[in-house]
Each structure stands twice: as structure tokens, then as C-alpha cells.
Amino acid sequence: MEYSVLTLLRPAIAIGLFVAFGGVLYGYDTGTISGILAMPYWLQEFSTEANGEITPAQDSLIVSILSAGTFFGALCAAPVADFLGRRIGLMASAGLVFNLGVILQTASTAQPMFIAGRFFAGLGVGLISAMIPMYQSETAPKWIRGVIVGSYQLAITIGLFLAAIVNNSTKDRNDSGSYRIPIAVQFLWSLILVIGLFILPETPRYLIKMDRYEKVCSTLAVLRDNTHTFGRLPKLFHGSASCPLRIPPLPKSLVRSRPTTSTSSAWARDPTSTASRAP
């Protein structure tokens, strides 16, 4: 039975587009702060000046501390993704680090705690902003990889748009909900991403990097049509005509010295590519 390329790779495309949702966290966090700093109740609560305003230095610090966090987050993203994995690394970044920043901002009633929350939120965003394109690149088929990775930028723009809507809806409230609601909404965005990652697989490239060959078959089965995946993968490892859900581990001698055939080289270069399948 013949299958179109789009049909075979539809799960991989859907997964890559879903993970791009993480860009909403970046765009929303960036877009919401400008409206919050102009809210009368926030100024009344956080001002340290007699005129009820904040100084330019305080304004600059509150806004820019997010970028300081993203700087360090982006630096740490690669080692964290290599240590925890792309999938678990994203879950930890969005579910723990980013949410810690959101909790601190939501609970704050003074500038120091609010600034600390902004830093940790930025740290989480920096981790996410590097790991999401990595996850997309390692799961998406090469012929549509650019579109899928570029969709992360579209998600950032959508986040900016959502931030403007929420800020406009709460700006006239005369209580802490005026700034706490826009900040706390970020829990929803991170929750959507984390719940989805519970279901999604680890990237096959990471599994090969960690020599976990027995999991590659089941991972690619999620990304591809099962029949085609199971029918061709074993030839790359054992030369068998059938493929169980889990491929037995390779002998240690083969793990230490990787195969150098053209098929194996193509597989190592791009395990998600249809060109790397054995004939």
C-alpha cells in the first residue's frame, strides 16, 4: 500500500508545530510588562517615590532584567538539553524555572520580589527559546524543517498580541487583579506546553547521541507511519526483516565503533530523513 510523504510525516509536522507554542511564553512575557508598568494600581503599590511614580532607573531594571535572564538561560540551554534530554529539559524549563518566576511576580507587593520573578521568568524563557528550535529540528522532516522552526517566531508574535488583549482587559481594575491576572495567565501557557510534552516523544537524534538505540524504533514510530518505520529500521542495525517495538541493544563492540557504511552515515546525519532509510 502506497503512502504519500505528507501522510507518513504528518505526526512529525504536528509535533513540531505544537512545540512552537512555547514561543507564546516569550512573546506574552515580553509584551505584558509595558502595560503593567503603566497601570495606576501597580504604580501605587510598587512606587518608592512621593509622586507615586517609579524612577527611570527602576523602570529600566524591571524591563531589562528579563533579558538578563534570557541571556543566561540561552547559555545554559545546550548543556541542560544534553544532560536531561530535549523533552525533559523543556518540561523543566517551562514547568519549574519559568513558573517559579511567574509565582514570584504574582505574589509580589514590592519591587525586589517582582524583579527576582522577572529574572527567573527570563531564565526559563531563555532555556525554552534555545531548546524549542533544537527539538523541532531533530524531529521535523528536512523538507519542511525551516517552516516548522520559523513557526516559533510566529508564536512569539501571537504571544505579544495576547498580552495586549489581556492588559487592555484588566488595566482599569482598582485592585491587585489589574497586574496579577495578566501575570498569572502565563501559568496557562506553560501548562499547555508541559502537558503536551508528557505525551510527545524524545527526539531520535538525542537517543542516538546517548546510545539508546532500543528506543529509537518506538520514537520514530510516533513520528512516522508504523509499518514503514518498523519495516526499514532493523536493516540499519541488525539486518533483520522484522522490527519489534523495541530494538534490542547493540553489542558494546558495535556501540563503541559506529558503522561507517553509507547507509549508517546517512542515518547518523539525519535519522528523521526519508533518505536515510535502508533500501
Protein backbone atom coordinates (compact mmCIF):
# COMPACT_ATOMS: atom_id res chain seq x y z
CA MET A 1 0.00 0.00 0.00
CA GLU A 2 1.43 3.37 -1.05
CA TYR A 3 1.53 6.36 1.25
CA SER A 4 2.24 9.98 0.40
CA VAL A 5 5.20 11.67 2.07
CA LEU A 6 2.85 14.12 3.78
CA THR A 7 0.77 11.28 5.23
CA LEU A 8 3.83 9.46 6.56
CA LEU A 9 5.35 12.54 8.18
CA ARG A 10 2.16 14.23 9.37
CA PRO A 11 2.77 13.32 13.06
CA ALA A 12 6.27 14.82 12.98
CA ILE A 13 4.94 18.02 11.44
CA ALA A 14 2.14 18.29 14.01
CA ILE A 15 4.57 17.72 16.88
CA GLY A 16 6.94 20.41 15.62
CA LEU A 17 4.13 22.92 15.23
CA PHE A 18 2.77 22.17 18.70
CA VAL A 19 6.14 22.64 20.39
CA ALA A 20 6.35 26.06 18.68
CA PHE A 21 3.61 27.09 21.13
CA GLY A 22 6.42 27.73 23.59
CA GLY A 23 7.06 30.97 21.72
CA VAL A 24 3.83 32.29 23.22
CA LEU A 25 5.56 32.30 26.63
CA TYR A 26 8.33 34.53 25.29
CA GLY A 27 6.06 36.89 23.39
CA TYR A 28 3.48 37.17 26.17
CA ASP A 29 6.05 37.82 28.91
CA THR A 30 7.76 40.45 26.77
CA GLY A 31 4.52 42.17 25.80
CA THR A 32 2.74 42.23 29.13
CA ILE A 33 5.28 44.23 31.14
CA SER A 34 4.83 47.52 29.28
CA GLY A 35 1.12 47.57 30.09
CA ILE A 36 1.65 46.57 33.72
CA LEU A 37 4.15 49.38 34.35
CA ALA A 38 1.52 51.89 33.22
CA MET A 39 -1.33 50.55 35.38
CA PRO A 40 -2.34 53.03 38.14
CA TYR A 41 -2.78 50.37 40.81
CA TRP A 42 0.61 48.80 40.08
CA LEU A 43 2.29 52.19 40.34
CA GLN A 44 0.50 52.89 43.61
CA GLU A 45 1.59 49.53 45.01
CA PHE A 46 5.21 49.44 43.80
CA SER A 47 6.24 53.09 43.69
CA THR A 48 9.02 54.25 46.00
CA GLU A 49 8.66 57.93 45.10
CA ALA A 50 6.49 60.56 46.75
CA ASN A 51 4.78 61.37 43.44
CA GLY A 52 3.54 57.80 43.02
CA GLU A 53 5.81 57.06 40.06
CA ILE A 54 8.87 54.88 39.54
CA THR A 55 12.23 56.27 38.54
CA PRO A 56 13.66 55.73 35.04
CA ALA A 57 16.34 53.51 36.56
CA GLN A 58 13.73 51.31 38.22
CA ASP A 59 11.72 51.18 35.00
CA SER A 60 14.79 50.13 33.04
CA LEU A 61 15.78 47.48 35.58
CA ILE A 62 12.33 45.88 35.69
CA VAL A 63 12.11 45.72 31.91
CA SER A 64 15.68 44.67 31.13
CA ILE A 65 16.11 42.06 33.88
CA LEU A 66 14.07 39.67 31.75
CA SER A 67 16.71 39.91 29.01
CA ALA A 68 19.45 39.25 31.55
CA GLY A 69 17.64 36.06 32.49
CA THR A 70 17.21 35.01 28.87
CA PHE A 71 20.93 35.58 28.28
CA PHE A 72 21.96 33.12 30.98
CA GLY A 73 19.13 30.75 30.06
CA ALA A 74 20.27 30.58 26.45
CA LEU A 75 23.86 29.88 27.59
CA CYS A 76 22.69 27.00 29.79
CA ALA A 77 20.22 25.55 27.27
CA ALA A 78 22.65 23.29 25.39
CA PRO A 79 24.21 21.57 28.43
CA VAL A 80 20.80 21.20 30.10
CA ALA A 81 19.31 19.69 26.92
CA ASP A 82 22.24 17.27 26.66
CA PHE A 83 22.01 16.28 30.33
CA LEU A 84 18.22 15.97 30.73
CA GLY A 85 17.21 15.48 27.12
CA ARG A 86 15.32 17.83 24.82
CA ARG A 87 11.89 16.80 26.07
CA ILE A 88 12.59 16.69 29.82
CA GLY A 89 14.69 19.85 29.53
CA LEU A 90 11.76 21.71 28.02
CA MET A 91 9.42 20.42 30.69
CA ALA A 92 11.77 21.52 33.47
CA SER A 93 12.34 24.93 31.88
CA ALA A 94 8.65 25.70 31.36
CA GLY A 95 7.18 23.87 34.36
CA LEU A 96 9.76 24.73 37.03
CA VAL A 97 12.04 27.65 36.15
CA PHE A 98 9.55 29.76 34.22
CA ASN A 99 6.68 29.08 36.63
CA LEU A 100 8.90 29.99 39.59
CA GLY A 101 9.32 33.43 38.02
CA VAL A 102 5.58 33.73 37.44
CA ILE A 103 4.84 32.78 41.07
CA LEU A 104 7.26 35.39 42.41
CA GLN A 105 5.78 38.11 40.21
CA THR A 106 2.20 37.21 41.05
CA ALA A 107 2.83 37.12 44.80
CA SER A 108 4.99 40.24 44.94
CA THR A 109 3.92 43.50 46.56
CA ALA A 110 7.29 45.28 46.27
CA GLN A 111 9.90 45.76 43.59
CA PRO A 112 12.66 43.38 44.81
CA MET A 113 10.48 40.27 44.64
CA PHE A 114 8.93 41.41 41.36
CA ILE A 115 12.39 41.91 39.84
CA ALA A 116 13.53 38.48 41.05
CA GLY A 117 10.45 36.95 39.43
CA ARG A 118 11.23 38.70 36.18
CA PHE A 119 14.76 37.28 36.22
CA PHE A 120 13.65 33.68 36.76
CA ALA A 121 10.93 34.02 34.14
CA GLY A 122 13.59 35.27 31.74
CA LEU A 123 15.87 32.37 32.67
CA GLY A 124 13.09 29.95 31.77
CA VAL A 125 12.32 31.78 28.55
CA GLY A 126 16.00 31.69 27.57
CA LEU A 127 16.15 27.94 28.10
CA ILE A 128 12.93 27.44 26.13
CA SER A 129 13.94 29.73 23.28
CA ALA A 130 17.01 27.60 22.55
CA MET A 131 15.53 24.15 23.24
CA ILE A 132 12.38 24.50 21.15
CA PRO A 133 14.18 25.06 17.80
CA MET A 134 16.50 22.20 18.80
CA TYR A 135 13.56 19.87 19.44
CA GLN A 136 11.84 20.95 16.23
CA SER A 137 14.98 20.48 14.12
CA GLU A 138 15.59 16.98 15.47
CA THR A 139 12.03 15.73 14.90
CA ALA A 140 10.90 17.53 11.74
CA PRO A 141 11.49 16.14 8.22
CA LYS A 142 14.15 18.18 6.43
CA TRP A 143 11.93 19.34 3.55
CA ILE A 144 9.67 21.31 5.92
CA ARG A 145 12.08 21.90 8.79
CA GLY A 146 12.56 25.59 8.04
CA VAL A 147 8.83 26.30 8.14
CA ILE A 148 8.38 24.44 11.42
CA VAL A 149 11.31 26.16 13.14
CA GLY A 150 10.12 29.52 11.77
CA SER A 151 6.71 28.93 13.33
CA TYR A 152 8.35 29.61 16.70
CA GLN A 153 8.68 33.26 15.68
CA LEU A 154 5.00 33.32 14.71
CA ALA A 155 4.13 32.02 18.19
CA ILE A 156 6.15 34.87 19.75
CA THR A 157 4.09 37.38 17.77
CA ILE A 158 0.87 35.69 18.87
CA GLY A 159 2.08 35.97 22.48
CA LEU A 160 2.59 39.72 22.06
CA PHE A 161 -0.94 40.01 20.68
CA LEU A 162 -2.43 38.04 23.57
CA ALA A 163 -0.55 40.19 26.09
CA ALA A 164 -2.09 43.36 24.64
CA ILE A 165 -5.59 41.85 24.86
CA VAL A 166 -5.23 40.75 28.49
CA ASN A 167 -3.61 44.01 29.59
CA ASN A 168 -6.38 46.00 27.97
CA SER A 169 -8.98 43.88 29.77
CA THR A 170 -7.58 44.42 33.28
CA LYS A 171 -5.96 47.88 33.16
CA ASP A 172 -8.96 49.67 34.71
CA ARG A 173 -9.30 47.39 37.74
CA ASN A 174 -8.56 49.12 41.04
CA ASP A 175 -7.15 46.08 42.82
CA SER A 176 -4.20 43.70 42.56
CA GLY A 177 -6.02 41.79 39.84
CA SER A 178 -5.07 44.55 37.42
CA TYR A 179 -1.49 43.21 37.25
CA ARG A 180 -1.80 39.77 38.82
CA ILE A 181 -4.27 38.44 36.27
CA PRO A 182 -2.05 39.24 33.24
CA ILE A 183 0.93 37.69 35.01
CA ALA A 184 -0.90 34.60 36.27
CA VAL A 185 -2.30 33.86 32.79
CA GLN A 186 1.21 32.70 31.94
CA PHE A 187 0.56 29.58 34.02
CA LEU A 188 -1.94 28.53 31.36
CA TRP A 189 0.58 28.84 28.51
CA SER A 190 3.24 26.84 30.34
CA LEU A 191 0.68 24.25 31.45
CA ILE A 192 -0.39 23.62 27.85
CA LEU A 193 3.22 23.12 26.79
CA VAL A 194 4.15 20.85 29.70
CA ILE A 195 1.06 18.64 29.35
CA GLY A 196 1.76 18.23 25.65
CA LEU A 197 5.38 17.28 26.34
CA PHE A 198 4.21 14.49 28.64
CA ILE A 199 2.74 12.88 25.53
CA LEU A 200 5.40 13.76 22.95
CA PRO A 201 8.47 11.57 22.38
CA GLU A 202 12.15 12.34 22.86
CA THR A 203 13.99 13.25 19.68
CA PRO A 204 15.60 10.31 17.84
CA ARG A 205 18.82 12.26 17.37
CA TYR A 206 19.22 12.67 21.13
CA LEU A 207 18.52 8.97 21.70
CA ILE A 208 21.23 8.04 19.20
CA LYS A 209 23.61 10.54 20.80
CA MET A 210 23.04 8.81 24.14
CA ASP A 211 23.41 5.31 22.56
CA ARG A 212 19.84 4.40 23.46
CA TYR A 213 19.20 2.57 20.22
CA GLU A 214 16.47 0.38 21.68
CA LYS A 215 14.17 3.42 21.99
CA VAL A 216 14.78 4.85 18.52
CA CYS A 217 12.32 2.49 16.83
CA SER A 218 9.38 3.34 19.08
CA THR A 219 10.19 7.07 18.89
CA LEU A 220 10.26 7.08 15.10
CA ALA A 221 7.06 5.05 15.11
CA VAL A 222 5.36 8.05 16.71
CA LEU A 223 6.89 10.43 14.18
CA ARG A 224 6.23 8.20 11.15
CA ASP A 225 3.87 5.57 9.84
CA ASN A 226 4.45 2.43 11.94
CA THR A 227 4.52 -0.02 9.04
CA HIS A 228 7.18 1.87 7.13
CA THR A 229 9.25 2.59 10.21
CA PHE A 230 9.26 -0.96 11.53
CA GLY A 231 9.88 -2.38 8.08
CA ARG A 232 13.09 -0.45 7.37
CA LEU A 233 14.75 0.41 10.68
CA PRO A 234 16.09 -3.07 11.53
CA LYS A 235 18.26 -3.18 8.41
CA LEU A 236 20.17 -0.22 9.77
CA PHE A 237 21.00 -2.09 12.98
CA HIS A 238 20.66 -5.84 12.63
CA GLY A 239 19.73 -6.61 9.03
CA SER A 240 16.53 -8.27 10.28
CA ALA A 241 13.37 -8.39 8.16
CA SER A 242 11.06 -7.58 11.08
CA CYS A 243 11.17 -4.89 13.71
CA PRO A 244 9.68 -5.21 17.18
CA LEU A 245 8.51 -2.15 19.06
CA ARG A 246 11.81 -2.02 20.94
CA ILE A 247 15.07 -2.87 19.20
CA PRO A 248 17.44 -4.91 21.43
CA PRO A 249 20.58 -3.01 22.47
CA LEU A 250 23.55 -3.19 20.14
CA PRO A 251 26.62 -5.16 21.23
CA LYS A 252 29.13 -2.98 23.05
CA SER A 253 31.71 -3.52 20.33
CA LEU A 254 29.37 -2.00 17.75
CA VAL A 255 28.37 0.87 20.03
CA ARG A 256 31.98 1.87 20.54
CA SER A 257 32.86 1.74 16.87
CA ARG A 258 29.94 3.10 14.87
CA PRO A 259 29.30 1.61 11.39
CA THR A 260 30.89 3.54 8.54
CA THR A 261 28.71 2.35 5.64
CA SER A 262 26.95 4.92 3.50
CA THR A 263 23.57 3.88 4.92
CA SER A 264 24.73 4.22 8.52
CA SER A 265 26.40 7.55 7.77
CA ALA A 266 23.20 8.89 6.27
CA TRP A 267 21.28 7.65 9.31
CA ALA A 268 23.68 9.40 11.72
CA ARG A 269 23.49 12.62 9.77
CA ASP A 270 19.70 12.78 9.69
CA PRO A 271 17.76 9.98 11.44
CA THR A 272 14.44 11.71 10.68
CA SER A 273 15.07 11.89 6.93
CA THR A 274 13.40 9.53 4.47
CA ALA A 275 16.71 9.47 2.54
CA SER A 276 18.40 7.70 5.44
CA ARG A 277 16.21 4.60 5.25
CA ALA A 278 17.76 1.39 4.03
CA PRO A 279 16.56 0.07 0.66
